[in-house]
Amino acid sequence: MAESILVTIFCCLPFGIVGIINASKVSSLYAQGNYDEAQRASADAKKWTIIGLCVGFVGIITYLVVYGFAAFTLLNVQ
């Protein structure tokens, strides 16, 4: 759950929210005795958290490259 929240805050909001939703299902499914469903919800939460983390990192790197190039270009204009 904590990882999904951190991904939501710092990386990618949509995928982090899906991770939070799936992570919140785990404990209630486990308490009901639906161990297979709880395991599946946990795996889904992990999957969406990792996807959100990867998309967030790609977005941050793209942002830095584009704006770094723009700043470099503006500094070299004479």
PDB file of N, CA and C in Angstrom:
ATOM      1  N   MET A   1       0.826  -1.194   0.000  1.00  0.00           N
ATOM      2  CA  MET A   1       0.000   0.000   0.000  1.00  0.00           C
ATOM      3  C   MET A   1       0.868   1.255   0.000  1.00  0.00           C
ATOM      4  N   ALA A   2       1.920   1.256   0.818  1.00  0.00           N
ATOM      5  CA  ALA A   2       2.771   2.441   0.912  1.00  0.00           C
ATOM      6  C   ALA A   2       3.440   2.755  -0.421  1.00  0.00           C
ATOM      7  N   GLU A   3       3.889   1.715  -1.110  1.00  0.00           N
ATOM      8  CA  GLU A   3       4.533   1.931  -2.401  1.00  0.00           C
ATOM      9  C   GLU A   3       3.565   2.551  -3.406  1.00  0.00           C
ATOM     10  N   SER A   4       2.333   2.075  -3.401  1.00  0.00           N
ATOM     11  CA  SER A   4       1.322   2.618  -4.320  1.00  0.00           C
ATOM     12  C   SER A   4       1.047   4.087  -4.028  1.00  0.00           C
ATOM     13  N   ILE A   5       1.022   4.435  -2.764  1.00  0.00           N
ATOM     14  CA  ILE A   5       0.787   5.833  -2.382  1.00  0.00           C
ATOM     15  C   ILE A   5       1.947   6.713  -2.829  1.00  0.00           C
ATOM     16  N   LEU A   6       3.176   6.233  -2.646  1.00  0.00           N
ATOM     17  CA  LEU A   6       4.337   7.012  -3.058  1.00  0.00           C
ATOM     18  C   LEU A   6       4.387   7.185  -4.577  1.00  0.00           C
ATOM     19  N   VAL A   7       4.050   6.136  -5.316  1.00  0.00           N
ATOM     20  CA  VAL A   7       4.010   6.246  -6.772  1.00  0.00           C
ATOM     21  C   VAL A   7       2.934   7.238  -7.190  1.00  0.00           C
ATOM     22  N   THR A   8       1.807   7.231  -6.501  1.00  0.00           N
ATOM     23  CA  THR A   8       0.729   8.171  -6.818  1.00  0.00           C
ATOM     24  C   THR A   8       1.178   9.610  -6.599  1.00  0.00           C
ATOM     25  N   ILE A   9       1.886   9.848  -5.523  1.00  0.00           N
ATOM     26  CA  ILE A   9       2.302  11.210  -5.192  1.00  0.00           C
ATOM     27  C   ILE A   9       3.440  11.694  -6.094  1.00  0.00           C
ATOM     28  N   PHE A  10       4.445  10.849  -6.308  1.00  0.00           N
ATOM     29  CA  PHE A  10       5.665  11.318  -6.952  1.00  0.00           C
ATOM     30  C   PHE A  10       5.804  10.958  -8.429  1.00  0.00           C
ATOM     31  N   CYS A  11       5.107   9.955  -8.910  1.00  0.00           N
ATOM     32  CA  CYS A  11       5.394   9.487 -10.274  1.00  0.00           C
ATOM     33  C   CYS A  11       4.210   9.611 -11.222  1.00  0.00           C
ATOM     34  N   CYS A  12       3.214   8.792 -11.021  1.00  0.00           N
ATOM     35  CA  CYS A  12       2.149   8.710 -12.020  1.00  0.00           C
ATOM     36  C   CYS A  12       0.809   8.488 -11.319  1.00  0.00           C
ATOM     37  N   LEU A  13       0.009   9.514 -11.310  1.00  0.00           N
ATOM     38  CA  LEU A  13      -1.255   9.494 -10.591  1.00  0.00           C
ATOM     39  C   LEU A  13      -2.210   8.382 -11.015  1.00  0.00           C
ATOM     40  N   PRO A  14      -2.504   8.189 -12.290  1.00  0.00           N
ATOM     41  CA  PRO A  14      -3.516   7.179 -12.658  1.00  0.00           C
ATOM     42  C   PRO A  14      -3.122   5.751 -12.279  1.00  0.00           C
ATOM     43  N   PHE A  15      -1.879   5.370 -12.571  1.00  0.00           N
ATOM     44  CA  PHE A  15      -1.454   4.009 -12.257  1.00  0.00           C
ATOM     45  C   PHE A  15      -1.306   3.802 -10.751  1.00  0.00           C
ATOM     46  N   GLY A  16      -0.911   4.845 -10.036  1.00  0.00           N
ATOM     47  CA  GLY A  16      -0.815   4.742  -8.586  1.00  0.00           C
ATOM     48  C   GLY A  16      -2.173   4.548  -7.935  1.00  0.00           C
ATOM     49  N   ILE A  17      -3.183   5.200  -8.457  1.00  0.00           N
ATOM     50  CA  ILE A  17      -4.535   5.038  -7.914  1.00  0.00           C
ATOM     51  C   ILE A  17      -5.033   3.618  -8.112  1.00  0.00           C
ATOM     52  N   VAL A  18      -4.769   3.045  -9.296  1.00  0.00           N
ATOM     53  CA  VAL A  18      -5.166   1.653  -9.534  1.00  0.00           C
ATOM     54  C   VAL A  18      -4.435   0.736  -8.555  1.00  0.00           C
ATOM     55  N   GLY A  19      -3.163   1.012  -8.303  1.00  0.00           N
ATOM     56  CA  GLY A  19      -2.407   0.235  -7.323  1.00  0.00           C
ATOM     57  C   GLY A  19      -2.985   0.353  -5.919  1.00  0.00           C
ATOM     58  N   ILE A  20      -3.392   1.539  -5.530  1.00  0.00           N
ATOM     59  CA  ILE A  20      -3.991   1.742  -4.202  1.00  0.00           C
ATOM     60  C   ILE A  20      -5.301   0.976  -4.084  1.00  0.00           C
ATOM     61  N   ILE A  21      -6.119   1.033  -5.114  1.00  0.00           N
ATOM     62  CA  ILE A  21      -7.409   0.334  -5.084  1.00  0.00           C
ATOM     63  C   ILE A  21      -7.197  -1.167  -4.913  1.00  0.00           C
ATOM     64  N   ASN A  22      -6.276  -1.726  -5.692  1.00  0.00           N
ATOM     65  CA  ASN A  22      -6.009  -3.162  -5.568  1.00  0.00           C
ATOM     66  C   ASN A  22      -5.375  -3.513  -4.230  1.00  0.00           C
ATOM     67  N   ALA A  23      -4.494  -2.668  -3.719  1.00  0.00           N
ATOM     68  CA  ALA A  23      -3.860  -2.936  -2.433  1.00  0.00           C
ATOM     69  C   ALA A  23      -4.869  -2.875  -1.289  1.00  0.00           C
ATOM     70  N   SER A  24      -5.860  -1.989  -1.414  1.00  0.00           N
ATOM     71  CA  SER A  24      -6.849  -1.887  -0.341  1.00  0.00           C
ATOM     72  C   SER A  24      -7.782  -3.095  -0.307  1.00  0.00           C
ATOM     73  N   LYS A  25      -7.898  -3.822  -1.397  1.00  0.00           N
ATOM     74  CA  LYS A  25      -8.742  -5.015  -1.438  1.00  0.00           C
ATOM     75  C   LYS A  25      -8.103  -6.212  -0.736  1.00  0.00           C
ATOM     76  N   VAL A  26      -6.783  -6.211  -0.617  1.00  0.00           N
ATOM     77  CA  VAL A  26      -6.059  -7.399  -0.155  1.00  0.00           C
ATOM     78  C   VAL A  26      -6.480  -7.817   1.251  1.00  0.00           C
ATOM     79  N   SER A  27      -6.448  -6.902   2.200  1.00  0.00           N
ATOM     80  CA  SER A  27      -6.718  -7.285   3.588  1.00  0.00           C
ATOM     81  C   SER A  27      -8.163  -7.748   3.797  1.00  0.00           C
ATOM     82  N   SER A  28      -9.108  -7.105   3.122  1.00  0.00           N
ATOM     83  CA  SER A  28     -10.496  -7.532   3.293  1.00  0.00           C
ATOM     84  C   SER A  28     -10.736  -8.899   2.651  1.00  0.00           C
ATOM     85  N   LEU A  29     -10.131  -9.146   1.500  1.00  0.00           N
ATOM     86  CA  LEU A  29     -10.266 -10.459   0.873  1.00  0.00           C
ATOM     87  C   LEU A  29      -9.601 -11.549   1.720  1.00  0.00           C
ATOM     88  N   TYR A  30      -8.466 -11.228   2.293  1.00  0.00           N
ATOM     89  CA  TYR A  30      -7.764 -12.188   3.133  1.00  0.00           C
ATOM     90  C   TYR A  30      -8.580 -12.501   4.391  1.00  0.00           C
ATOM     91  N   ALA A  31      -9.182 -11.474   4.981  1.00  0.00           N
ATOM     92  CA  ALA A  31      -9.994 -11.673   6.187  1.00  0.00           C
ATOM     93  C   ALA A  31     -11.244 -12.509   5.899  1.00  0.00           C
ATOM     94  N   GLN A  32     -11.752 -12.441   4.684  1.00  0.00           N
ATOM     95  CA  GLN A  32     -12.916 -13.226   4.293  1.00  0.00           C
ATOM     96  C   GLN A  32     -12.541 -14.667   3.958  1.00  0.00           C
ATOM     97  N   GLY A  33     -11.266 -14.941   3.883  1.00  0.00           N
ATOM     98  CA  GLY A  33     -10.825 -16.285   3.550  1.00  0.00           C
ATOM     99  C   GLY A  33     -10.615 -16.521   2.065  1.00  0.00           C
ATOM    100  N   ASN A  34     -10.723 -15.488   1.271  1.00  0.00           N
ATOM    101  CA  ASN A  34     -10.488 -15.593  -0.176  1.00  0.00           C
ATOM    102  C   ASN A  34      -8.996 -15.385  -0.454  1.00  0.00           C
ATOM    103  N   TYR A  35      -8.203 -16.398  -0.128  1.00  0.00           N
ATOM    104  CA  TYR A  35      -6.756 -16.262  -0.208  1.00  0.00           C
ATOM    105  C   TYR A  35      -6.266 -16.129  -1.648  1.00  0.00           C
ATOM    106  N   ASP A  36      -6.882 -16.844  -2.569  1.00  0.00           N
ATOM    107  CA  ASP A  36      -6.474 -16.735  -3.969  1.00  0.00           C
ATOM    108  C   ASP A  36      -6.795 -15.351  -4.534  1.00  0.00           C
ATOM    109  N   GLU A  37      -7.964 -14.837  -4.206  1.00  0.00           N
ATOM    110  CA  GLU A  37      -8.337 -13.493  -4.659  1.00  0.00           C
ATOM    111  C   GLU A  37      -7.436 -12.435  -4.025  1.00  0.00           C
ATOM    112  N   ALA A  38      -7.087 -12.623  -2.750  1.00  0.00           N
ATOM    113  CA  ALA A  38      -6.186 -11.683  -2.080  1.00  0.00           C
ATOM    114  C   ALA A  38      -4.818 -11.698  -2.742  1.00  0.00           C
ATOM    115  N   GLN A  39      -4.344 -12.881  -3.092  1.00  0.00           N
ATOM    116  CA  GLN A  39      -3.047 -13.004  -3.772  1.00  0.00           C
ATOM    117  C   GLN A  39      -3.105 -12.325  -5.141  1.00  0.00           C
ATOM    118  N   ARG A  40      -4.198 -12.507  -5.851  1.00  0.00           N
ATOM    119  CA  ARG A  40      -4.356 -11.885  -7.164  1.00  0.00           C
ATOM    120  C   ARG A  40      -4.416 -10.363  -7.047  1.00  0.00           C
ATOM    121  N   ALA A  41      -5.131  -9.847  -6.056  1.00  0.00           N
ATOM    122  CA  ALA A  41      -5.212  -8.398  -5.855  1.00  0.00           C
ATOM    123  C   ALA A  41      -3.843  -7.826  -5.478  1.00  0.00           C
ATOM    124  N   SER A  42      -3.097  -8.588  -4.681  1.00  0.00           N
ATOM    125  CA  SER A  42      -1.755  -8.154  -4.311  1.00  0.00           C
ATOM    126  C   SER A  42      -0.838  -8.112  -5.529  1.00  0.00           C
ATOM    127  N   ALA A  43      -0.929  -9.121  -6.379  1.00  0.00           N
ATOM    128  CA  ALA A  43      -0.105  -9.149  -7.595  1.00  0.00           C
ATOM    129  C   ALA A  43      -0.496  -8.010  -8.535  1.00  0.00           C
ATOM    130  N   ASP A  44      -1.787  -7.729  -8.632  1.00  0.00           N
ATOM    131  CA  ASP A  44      -2.239  -6.617  -9.476  1.00  0.00           C
ATOM    132  C   ASP A  44      -1.748  -5.280  -8.929  1.00  0.00           C
ATOM    133  N   ALA A  45      -1.803  -5.114  -7.611  1.00  0.00           N
ATOM    134  CA  ALA A  45      -1.313  -3.873  -7.001  1.00  0.00           C
ATOM    135  C   ALA A  45       0.170  -3.697  -7.291  1.00  0.00           C
ATOM    136  N   LYS A  46       0.925  -4.772  -7.164  1.00  0.00           N
ATOM    137  CA  LYS A  46       2.363  -4.709  -7.446  1.00  0.00           C
ATOM    138  C   LYS A  46       2.603  -4.361  -8.911  1.00  0.00           C
ATOM    139  N   LYS A  47       1.858  -4.989  -9.812  1.00  0.00           N
ATOM    140  CA  LYS A  47       2.019  -4.741 -11.247  1.00  0.00           C
ATOM    141  C   LYS A  47       1.770  -3.278 -11.581  1.00  0.00           C
ATOM    142  N   TRP A  48       0.658  -2.728 -11.096  1.00  0.00           N
ATOM    143  CA  TRP A  48       0.328  -1.340 -11.427  1.00  0.00           C
ATOM    144  C   TRP A  48       1.275  -0.345 -10.755  1.00  0.00           C
ATOM    145  N   THR A  49       1.784  -0.701  -9.586  1.00  0.00           N
ATOM    146  CA  THR A  49       2.751   0.166  -8.923  1.00  0.00           C
ATOM    147  C   THR A  49       4.046   0.221  -9.722  1.00  0.00           C
ATOM    148  N   ILE A  50       4.500  -0.921 -10.208  1.00  0.00           N
ATOM    149  CA  ILE A  50       5.726  -0.954 -11.007  1.00  0.00           C
ATOM    150  C   ILE A  50       5.530  -0.223 -12.331  1.00  0.00           C
ATOM    151  N   ILE A  51       4.378  -0.413 -12.966  1.00  0.00           N
ATOM    152  CA  ILE A  51       4.090   0.301 -14.215  1.00  0.00           C
ATOM    153  C   ILE A  51       4.093   1.812 -13.967  1.00  0.00           C
ATOM    154  N   GLY A  52       3.452   2.247 -12.897  1.00  0.00           N
ATOM    155  CA  GLY A  52       3.428   3.674 -12.565  1.00  0.00           C
ATOM    156  C   GLY A  52       4.809   4.224 -12.286  1.00  0.00           C
ATOM    157  N   LEU A  53       5.645   3.443 -11.613  1.00  0.00           N
ATOM    158  CA  LEU A  53       7.004   3.864 -11.318  1.00  0.00           C
ATOM    159  C   LEU A  53       7.807   4.017 -12.611  1.00  0.00           C
ATOM    160  N   CYS A  54       7.689   3.058 -13.505  1.00  0.00           N
ATOM    161  CA  CYS A  54       8.412   3.120 -14.780  1.00  0.00           C
ATOM    162  C   CYS A  54       7.941   4.290 -15.634  1.00  0.00           C
ATOM    163  N   VAL A  55       6.638   4.482 -15.728  1.00  0.00           N
ATOM    164  CA  VAL A  55       6.101   5.601 -16.511  1.00  0.00           C
ATOM    165  C   VAL A  55       6.540   6.932 -15.896  1.00  0.00           C
ATOM    166  N   GLY A  56       6.551   7.008 -14.588  1.00  0.00           N
ATOM    167  CA  GLY A  56       6.998   8.229 -13.921  1.00  0.00           C
ATOM    168  C   GLY A  56       8.456   8.534 -14.189  1.00  0.00           C
ATOM    169  N   PHE A  57       9.307   7.510 -14.126  1.00  0.00           N
ATOM    170  CA  PHE A  57      10.731   7.722 -14.395  1.00  0.00           C
ATOM    171  C   PHE A  57      10.967   8.136 -15.843  1.00  0.00           C
ATOM    172  N   VAL A  58      10.275   7.503 -16.772  1.00  0.00           N
ATOM    173  CA  VAL A  58      10.412   7.879 -18.185  1.00  0.00           C
ATOM    174  C   VAL A  58       9.953   9.323 -18.380  1.00  0.00           C
ATOM    175  N   GLY A  59       8.872   9.699 -17.736  1.00  0.00           N
ATOM    176  CA  GLY A  59       8.389  11.071 -17.841  1.00  0.00           C
ATOM    177  C   GLY A  59       9.365  12.085 -17.261  1.00  0.00           C
ATOM    178  N   ILE A  60       9.943  11.756 -16.127  1.00  0.00           N
ATOM    179  CA  ILE A  60      10.905  12.672 -15.499  1.00  0.00           C
ATOM    180  C   ILE A  60      12.154  12.806 -16.357  1.00  0.00           C
ATOM    181  N   ILE A  61      12.650  11.700 -16.879  1.00  0.00           N
ATOM    182  CA  ILE A  61      13.844  11.747 -17.726  1.00  0.00           C
ATOM    183  C   ILE A  61      13.556  12.528 -19.006  1.00  0.00           C
ATOM    184  N   THR A  62      12.392  12.299 -19.606  1.00  0.00           N
ATOM    185  CA  THR A  62      12.012  13.042 -20.803  1.00  0.00           C
ATOM    186  C   THR A  62      11.923  14.535 -20.508  1.00  0.00           C
ATOM    187  N   TYR A  63      11.334  14.893 -19.394  1.00  0.00           N
ATOM    188  CA  TYR A  63      11.227  16.288 -18.984  1.00  0.00           C
ATOM    189  C   TYR A  63      12.605  16.918 -18.847  1.00  0.00           C
ATOM    190  N   LEU A  64      13.513  16.226 -18.174  1.00  0.00           N
ATOM    191  CA  LEU A  64      14.856  16.767 -17.969  1.00  0.00           C
ATOM    192  C   LEU A  64      15.610  16.917 -19.287  1.00  0.00           C
ATOM    193  N   VAL A  65      15.471  15.952 -20.182  1.00  0.00           N
ATOM    194  CA  VAL A  65      16.160  16.036 -21.470  1.00  0.00           C
ATOM    195  C   VAL A  65      15.608  17.191 -22.301  1.00  0.00           C
ATOM    196  N   VAL A  66      14.288  17.294 -22.399  1.00  0.00           N
ATOM    197  CA  VAL A  66      13.688  18.345 -23.227  1.00  0.00           C
ATOM    198  C   VAL A  66      14.015  19.733 -22.688  1.00  0.00           C
ATOM    199  N   TYR A  67      13.825  19.950 -21.407  1.00  0.00           N
ATOM    200  CA  TYR A  67      14.085  21.272 -20.858  1.00  0.00           C
ATOM    201  C   TYR A  67      15.569  21.554 -20.700  1.00  0.00           C
ATOM    202  N   GLY A  68      16.369  20.520 -20.537  1.00  0.00           N
ATOM    203  CA  GLY A  68      17.818  20.711 -20.536  1.00  0.00           C
ATOM    204  C   GLY A  68      18.311  21.140 -21.900  1.00  0.00           C
ATOM    205  N   PHE A  69      17.775  20.501 -22.942  1.00  0.00           N
ATOM    206  CA  PHE A  69      18.128  20.887 -24.308  1.00  0.00           C
ATOM    207  C   PHE A  69      17.658  22.304 -24.605  1.00  0.00           C
ATOM    208  N   ALA A  70      16.464  22.653 -24.162  1.00  0.00           N
ATOM    209  CA  ALA A  70      15.944  23.995 -24.401  1.00  0.00           C
ATOM    210  C   ALA A  70      16.801  25.044 -23.698  1.00  0.00           C
ATOM    211  N   ALA A  71      17.187  24.772 -22.472  1.00  0.00           N
ATOM    212  CA  ALA A  71      18.028  25.716 -21.728  1.00  0.00           C
ATOM    213  C   ALA A  71      19.397  25.835 -22.377  1.00  0.00           C
ATOM    214  N   PHE A  72      19.959  24.709 -22.816  1.00  0.00           N
ATOM    215  CA  PHE A  72      21.259  24.721 -23.495  1.00  0.00           C
ATOM    216  C   PHE A  72      21.184  25.539 -24.782  1.00  0.00           C
ATOM    217  N   THR A  73      20.097  25.363 -25.523  1.00  0.00           N
ATOM    218  CA  THR A  73      19.913  26.085 -26.773  1.00  0.00           C
ATOM    219  C   THR A  73      19.777  27.592 -26.525  1.00  0.00           C
ATOM    220  N   LEU A  74      19.021  27.956 -25.507  1.00  0.00           N
ATOM    221  CA  LEU A  74      18.840  29.376 -25.212  1.00  0.00           C
ATOM    222  C   LEU A  74      20.115  30.033 -24.724  1.00  0.00           C
ATOM    223  N   LEU A  75      20.945  29.284 -24.020  1.00  0.00           N
ATOM    224  CA  LEU A  75      22.191  29.845 -23.522  1.00  0.00           C
ATOM    225  C   LEU A  75      23.212  30.050 -24.631  1.00  0.00           C
ATOM    226  N   ASN A  76      23.093  29.287 -25.689  1.00  0.00           N
ATOM    227  CA  ASN A  76      24.052  29.388 -26.789  1.00  0.00           C
ATOM    228  C   ASN A  76      23.597  30.293 -27.924  1.00  0.00           C
ATOM    229  N   VAL A  77      22.461  30.947 -27.781  1.00  0.00           N
ATOM    230  CA  VAL A  77      21.975  31.875 -28.803  1.00  0.00           C
ATOM    231  C   VAL A  77      22.737  33.175 -28.669  1.00  0.00           C
ATOM    232  N   GLN A  78      23.229  33.696 -29.806  1.00  0.00           N
ATOM    233  CA  GLN A  78      24.006  34.946 -29.719  1.00  0.00           C
ATOM    234  C   GLN A  78      23.383  36.052 -30.492  1.00  0.00           C
TER     235      GLN A  78
END
